[in-house]
Amino acid sequence: MKKILSLLTSLTLVLCLLSPAASAETNKNPDPSKGKSVHVQIVLFDGFDLLDALAPYEVFAAAGMYTGGKVTVELVSAEGKRSVPSGLNGPALDAQDVLDPDHSGIIVVPGASGKPAGNTSDAIPNILRQAKDTGLTTMMKQAMNNKEVTVATVCGGSLLLAMDGLLKDRYAVTNQLGMSALGALGAIPVDARIVEDGSRLVTGGGVTSGLDVALYLVEREVGPQIANAVEKLFEYERRGTVWQANGIPPINFGTSQDTSRKEQPSALEKKVEK
């Protein structure tokens, strides 16, 4: 009996000695978001959608407040510092600087605000083409080749990139009205609120998805505590699962996502080959 008690006492002492060590070891695991600084550039162009740009701006600005300035955000344009009119005769915002595709961090490209279709100057397809002709997509191509830059789009921002072939064979989403066009431009449209293709391309669906895209990037870059604080401040909870091309694919029951994938079978095959 004494031997058993002695063994139990020894075992207890060993466990007591090991537990703090194990706890200390757990606490040593580095948090990659601690001490990290993130700079965000939100691109403006004539006819941009106001909410596409301002919703992410407010999220990142709030994250900057809660991190003590570790997240910074600015409005930029391809032409540099200027007043940029939003779509549908909306108010203008001032671009603070020229877009810098070589600056590490995040670049957000909004969509346009206007008529969904048509040949008038205020039709969204024409607004996006005019933005493309400013040299914006050339700069975005440079940014997408930079491993230190994450490119994010809101609503029709993905269409703008796709117009210059920048989303060829890439999973992406846009406003539901533009999903067919997105596929026709070479992207692989996915019916999801947010789509992440790799670690450096994040696309959002309709106009309000700018909140969700920005909150996801805040969580990814500086951690869930900051993202939660911003959500509490805005009294808004992020919507939607972030779709990624990994894990177990769902059984085909003829859902809209399966249909959107079938629109680009050759692109999907190329994606798998990669």
Protein backbone atom coordinates (compact mmCIF):
# COMPACT_ATOMS: atom_id res chain seq x y z
CA MET A 1 0.00 0.00 0.00
CA LYS A 2 2.85 2.34 0.91
CA LYS A 3 4.52 1.58 -2.44
CA ILE A 4 1.31 2.46 -4.31
CA LEU A 5 0.95 5.75 -2.38
CA SER A 6 4.59 6.54 -3.06
CA LEU A 7 4.14 5.92 -6.79
CA LEU A 8 1.00 8.08 -6.91
CA THR A 9 2.79 10.90 -5.08
CA SER A 10 5.72 10.71 -7.47
CA LEU A 11 3.40 10.70 -10.49
CA THR A 12 1.53 13.73 -9.15
CA LEU A 13 4.79 15.62 -8.67
CA VAL A 14 5.91 14.79 -12.21
CA LEU A 15 2.59 15.98 -13.66
CA CYS A 16 2.75 19.19 -11.64
CA LEU A 17 6.24 19.86 -12.93
CA LEU A 18 5.33 19.08 -16.52
CA SER A 19 2.08 21.07 -16.64
CA PRO A 20 3.64 24.53 -16.26
CA ALA A 21 6.28 23.61 -18.81
CA ALA A 22 3.64 22.45 -21.25
CA SER A 23 1.62 25.60 -20.62
CA ALA A 24 4.66 27.76 -21.13
CA GLU A 25 5.44 25.91 -24.34
CA THR A 26 1.90 26.55 -25.58
CA ASN A 27 2.22 30.26 -24.79
CA LYS A 28 5.44 30.39 -26.80
CA ASN A 29 3.57 29.69 -30.04
CA PRO A 30 4.02 32.88 -32.04
CA ASP A 31 1.00 34.88 -33.17
CA PRO A 32 1.86 36.00 -36.73
CA SER A 33 -0.59 38.91 -36.52
CA LYS A 34 1.10 40.50 -33.50
CA GLY A 35 3.27 43.45 -34.40
CA LYS A 36 2.14 43.27 -38.01
CA SER A 37 1.47 46.45 -39.98
CA VAL A 38 -0.89 46.45 -42.95
CA HIS A 39 -1.33 49.22 -45.51
CA VAL A 40 -4.51 49.31 -47.59
CA GLN A 41 -5.01 51.20 -50.85
CA ILE A 42 -8.58 51.62 -52.07
CA VAL A 43 -8.70 52.49 -55.76
CA LEU A 44 -11.03 55.18 -57.10
CA PHE A 45 -11.96 55.77 -60.74
CA ASP A 46 -14.61 57.93 -62.42
CA GLY A 47 -18.00 56.31 -61.83
CA PHE A 48 -16.94 54.04 -58.96
CA ASP A 49 -19.62 52.78 -56.60
CA LEU A 50 -19.54 54.82 -53.41
CA LEU A 51 -20.46 51.99 -51.02
CA ASP A 52 -17.99 49.60 -52.68
CA ALA A 53 -15.21 51.95 -51.62
CA LEU A 54 -16.46 53.47 -48.37
CA ALA A 55 -17.58 50.26 -46.64
CA PRO A 56 -14.08 48.71 -46.77
CA TYR A 57 -12.54 52.09 -45.96
CA GLU A 58 -14.50 52.36 -42.71
CA VAL A 59 -13.69 48.77 -41.72
CA PHE A 60 -9.96 49.23 -42.26
CA ALA A 61 -10.00 52.66 -40.58
CA ALA A 62 -11.69 51.14 -37.51
CA ALA A 63 -9.13 48.32 -37.51
CA GLY A 64 -6.44 50.98 -37.54
CA MET A 65 -8.00 52.60 -34.50
CA TYR A 66 -8.18 49.33 -32.57
CA THR A 67 -4.61 48.32 -33.48
CA GLY A 68 -3.11 51.66 -32.54
CA GLY A 69 -2.30 52.52 -36.14
CA LYS A 70 -0.99 49.16 -37.35
CA VAL A 71 -3.61 49.18 -40.11
CA THR A 72 -3.54 52.21 -42.40
CA VAL A 73 -5.82 52.99 -45.32
CA GLU A 74 -5.84 55.57 -48.10
CA LEU A 75 -7.82 56.39 -51.22
CA VAL A 76 -5.79 56.31 -54.44
CA SER A 77 -6.28 56.56 -58.20
CA ALA A 78 -4.32 55.59 -61.28
CA GLU A 79 -3.84 59.28 -62.11
CA GLY A 80 -2.79 60.36 -58.64
CA LYS A 81 -4.14 62.98 -56.29
CA ARG A 82 -7.46 64.31 -57.59
CA SER A 83 -11.19 64.58 -56.96
CA VAL A 84 -12.89 61.44 -58.27
CA PRO A 85 -16.64 61.49 -59.05
CA SER A 86 -18.66 58.44 -58.06
CA GLY A 87 -21.34 56.97 -60.32
CA LEU A 88 -24.94 58.09 -60.90
CA ASN A 89 -24.08 61.74 -60.24
CA GLY A 90 -22.96 60.81 -56.75
CA PRO A 91 -20.56 62.78 -54.58
CA ALA A 92 -16.84 62.82 -55.29
CA LEU A 93 -14.07 61.52 -53.06
CA ASP A 94 -10.52 62.82 -53.01
CA ALA A 95 -7.79 60.41 -54.00
CA GLN A 96 -4.89 61.11 -51.69
CA ASP A 97 -2.14 59.66 -53.85
CA VAL A 98 -1.33 57.61 -56.93
CA LEU A 99 -1.83 53.85 -56.72
CA ASP A 100 1.45 52.17 -55.83
CA PRO A 101 1.41 48.55 -57.07
CA ASP A 102 4.77 47.90 -55.43
CA HIS A 103 3.64 48.82 -51.92
CA SER A 104 3.14 45.71 -49.80
CA GLY A 105 -0.29 45.25 -48.26
CA ILE A 106 -3.79 45.20 -49.71
CA ILE A 107 -5.30 46.88 -52.77
CA VAL A 108 -9.11 47.05 -52.98
CA VAL A 109 -10.80 47.59 -56.35
CA PRO A 110 -14.47 48.63 -56.20
CA GLY A 111 -17.07 48.24 -58.90
CA ALA A 112 -19.00 50.91 -60.78
CA SER A 113 -22.36 52.52 -60.15
CA GLY A 114 -24.61 53.06 -63.15
CA LYS A 115 -27.04 51.38 -65.50
CA PRO A 116 -26.56 47.59 -65.54
CA ALA A 117 -26.37 47.50 -69.34
CA GLY A 118 -26.48 49.66 -72.45
CA ASN A 119 -24.19 51.78 -74.60
CA THR A 120 -24.54 55.06 -72.73
CA SER A 121 -21.63 56.63 -70.87
CA ASP A 122 -23.31 55.89 -67.53
CA ALA A 123 -23.67 52.15 -68.24
CA ILE A 124 -21.52 50.03 -65.95
CA PRO A 125 -19.68 48.15 -68.74
CA ASN A 126 -18.60 51.46 -70.29
CA ILE A 127 -17.57 52.93 -66.94
CA LEU A 128 -15.37 49.89 -66.31
CA ARG A 129 -13.85 50.09 -69.81
CA GLN A 130 -13.01 53.76 -69.26
CA ALA A 131 -11.35 52.87 -65.97
CA LYS A 132 -9.36 50.16 -67.75
CA ASP A 133 -8.18 52.70 -70.33
CA THR A 134 -6.66 54.93 -67.63
CA GLY A 135 -3.90 52.37 -67.18
CA LEU A 136 -5.43 51.09 -63.95
CA THR A 137 -5.46 47.43 -65.00
CA THR A 138 -1.83 47.67 -66.11
CA MET A 139 -0.96 48.82 -62.62
CA MET A 140 -3.13 46.09 -61.12
CA LYS A 141 -1.33 43.47 -63.20
CA GLN A 142 1.91 44.68 -61.65
CA ALA A 143 0.34 44.45 -58.20
CA MET A 144 -0.93 40.92 -58.82
CA ASN A 145 2.58 39.85 -59.74
CA ASN A 146 3.85 41.20 -56.43
CA LYS A 147 3.95 38.46 -53.80
CA GLU A 148 3.67 41.07 -51.05
CA VAL A 149 0.30 42.36 -52.27
CA THR A 150 -3.19 40.95 -51.75
CA VAL A 151 -5.71 42.17 -54.32
CA ALA A 152 -9.34 42.36 -53.24
CA THR A 153 -12.37 43.35 -55.28
CA VAL A 154 -15.92 44.34 -54.43
CA CYS A 155 -18.87 43.78 -56.74
CA GLY A 156 -17.89 44.75 -60.32
CA GLY A 157 -14.25 45.28 -59.39
CA SER A 158 -13.59 41.70 -60.44
CA LEU A 159 -15.11 42.43 -63.86
CA LEU A 160 -12.73 45.35 -64.28
CA LEU A 161 -9.74 43.08 -63.68
CA ALA A 162 -11.20 40.33 -65.85
CA MET A 163 -11.60 42.76 -68.77
CA ASP A 164 -7.82 42.82 -69.07
CA GLY A 165 -7.40 39.06 -68.61
CA LEU A 166 -6.16 39.36 -65.02
CA LEU A 167 -8.60 36.74 -63.71
CA LYS A 168 -8.11 34.14 -66.41
CA ASP A 169 -8.56 30.66 -64.90
CA ARG A 170 -9.01 32.23 -61.45
CA TYR A 171 -11.94 31.54 -59.11
CA ALA A 172 -13.90 34.75 -58.51
CA VAL A 173 -17.29 36.27 -57.82
CA THR A 174 -19.06 39.51 -58.71
CA ASN A 175 -22.55 40.94 -58.50
CA GLN A 176 -25.11 38.33 -59.55
CA LEU A 177 -25.98 40.45 -62.60
CA GLY A 178 -22.41 40.08 -63.87
CA MET A 179 -21.67 36.40 -63.21
CA SER A 180 -22.15 35.33 -66.84
CA ALA A 181 -19.93 38.17 -68.03
CA LEU A 182 -17.28 37.17 -65.49
CA GLY A 183 -17.20 33.66 -66.93
CA ALA A 184 -17.14 34.97 -70.49
CA LEU A 185 -14.07 37.04 -69.58
CA GLY A 186 -12.14 33.90 -68.59
CA ALA A 187 -12.64 33.71 -64.83
CA ILE A 188 -14.22 30.74 -63.04
CA PRO A 189 -17.37 32.19 -61.45
CA VAL A 190 -18.29 30.83 -58.03
CA ASP A 191 -21.66 31.48 -56.39
CA ALA A 192 -20.42 32.58 -52.95
CA ARG A 193 -20.37 35.75 -50.88
CA ILE A 194 -16.56 35.85 -50.77
CA VAL A 195 -14.12 33.84 -52.89
CA GLU A 196 -10.44 33.46 -52.05
CA ASP A 197 -8.21 32.12 -54.82
CA GLY A 198 -4.84 31.44 -53.26
CA SER A 199 -3.74 33.83 -50.54
CA ARG A 200 -3.48 36.96 -52.68
CA LEU A 201 -6.83 37.26 -54.49
CA VAL A 202 -10.08 37.86 -52.63
CA THR A 203 -13.27 38.80 -54.48
CA GLY A 204 -16.64 39.85 -53.09
CA GLY A 205 -20.13 39.60 -54.56
CA GLY A 206 -22.71 42.39 -54.44
CA VAL A 207 -22.27 45.94 -53.17
CA THR A 208 -22.57 45.25 -49.43
CA SER A 209 -20.01 42.43 -49.63
CA GLY A 210 -17.35 45.11 -49.22
CA LEU A 211 -18.01 44.95 -45.49
CA ASP A 212 -17.52 41.19 -45.46
CA VAL A 213 -14.39 41.23 -47.63
CA ALA A 214 -12.78 43.87 -45.43
CA LEU A 215 -13.72 42.14 -42.17
CA TYR A 216 -12.31 38.85 -43.47
CA LEU A 217 -9.03 40.53 -44.44
CA VAL A 218 -8.82 42.26 -41.05
CA GLU A 219 -9.26 38.89 -39.32
CA ARG A 220 -6.74 37.25 -41.63
CA GLU A 221 -4.10 39.95 -41.31
CA VAL A 222 -4.34 41.19 -37.71
CA GLY A 223 -6.46 38.58 -35.97
CA PRO A 224 -10.00 37.74 -34.86
CA GLN A 225 -9.96 39.99 -31.80
CA ILE A 226 -9.61 43.10 -33.93
CA ALA A 227 -12.19 41.85 -36.44
CA ASN A 228 -14.62 41.16 -33.59
CA ALA A 229 -14.06 44.63 -32.14
CA VAL A 230 -14.85 46.21 -35.52
CA GLU A 231 -17.98 44.06 -35.86
CA LYS A 232 -19.14 45.20 -32.42
CA LEU A 233 -18.48 48.83 -33.31
CA PHE A 234 -20.51 48.57 -36.52
CA GLU A 235 -23.13 46.27 -34.95
CA TYR A 236 -22.62 44.02 -37.96
CA GLU A 237 -21.57 40.38 -38.24
CA ARG A 238 -19.68 39.17 -41.29
CA ARG A 239 -21.85 37.26 -43.73
CA GLY A 240 -21.03 34.19 -45.75
CA THR A 241 -18.41 31.47 -45.83
CA VAL A 242 -15.15 32.36 -47.55
CA TRP A 243 -15.12 29.93 -50.49
CA GLN A 244 -11.77 28.31 -51.29
CA ALA A 245 -10.87 25.59 -53.79
CA ASN A 246 -9.94 23.01 -51.19
CA GLY A 247 -11.61 20.42 -49.01
CA ILE A 248 -14.31 18.00 -50.16
CA PRO A 249 -16.35 19.28 -53.13
CA PRO A 250 -20.14 19.05 -52.70
CA ILE A 251 -22.22 16.47 -54.53
CA ASN A 252 -23.80 17.95 -57.65
CA PHE A 253 -27.49 18.54 -56.96
CA GLY A 254 -27.81 21.15 -59.68
CA THR A 255 -27.12 24.15 -57.46
CA SER A 256 -26.30 27.55 -58.89
CA GLN A 257 -22.66 27.11 -57.87
CA ASP A 258 -22.40 23.87 -59.84
CA THR A 259 -24.01 25.59 -62.81
CA SER A 260 -21.59 28.50 -62.67
CA ARG A 261 -18.68 26.08 -62.64
CA LYS A 262 -19.97 24.28 -65.73
CA GLU A 263 -19.86 27.57 -67.65
CA GLN A 264 -16.06 27.33 -67.64
CA PRO A 265 -15.16 23.63 -67.96
CA SER A 266 -11.93 24.23 -69.85
CA ALA A 267 -10.76 26.82 -67.33
CA LEU A 268 -11.63 24.48 -64.49
CA GLU A 269 -9.60 21.70 -66.10
CA LYS A 270 -6.63 24.03 -66.46
CA LYS A 271 -7.00 25.01 -62.82
CA VAL A 272 -6.88 21.39 -61.73
CA GLU A 273 -3.78 20.77 -63.85
CA LYS A 274 -1.97 23.55 -62.01
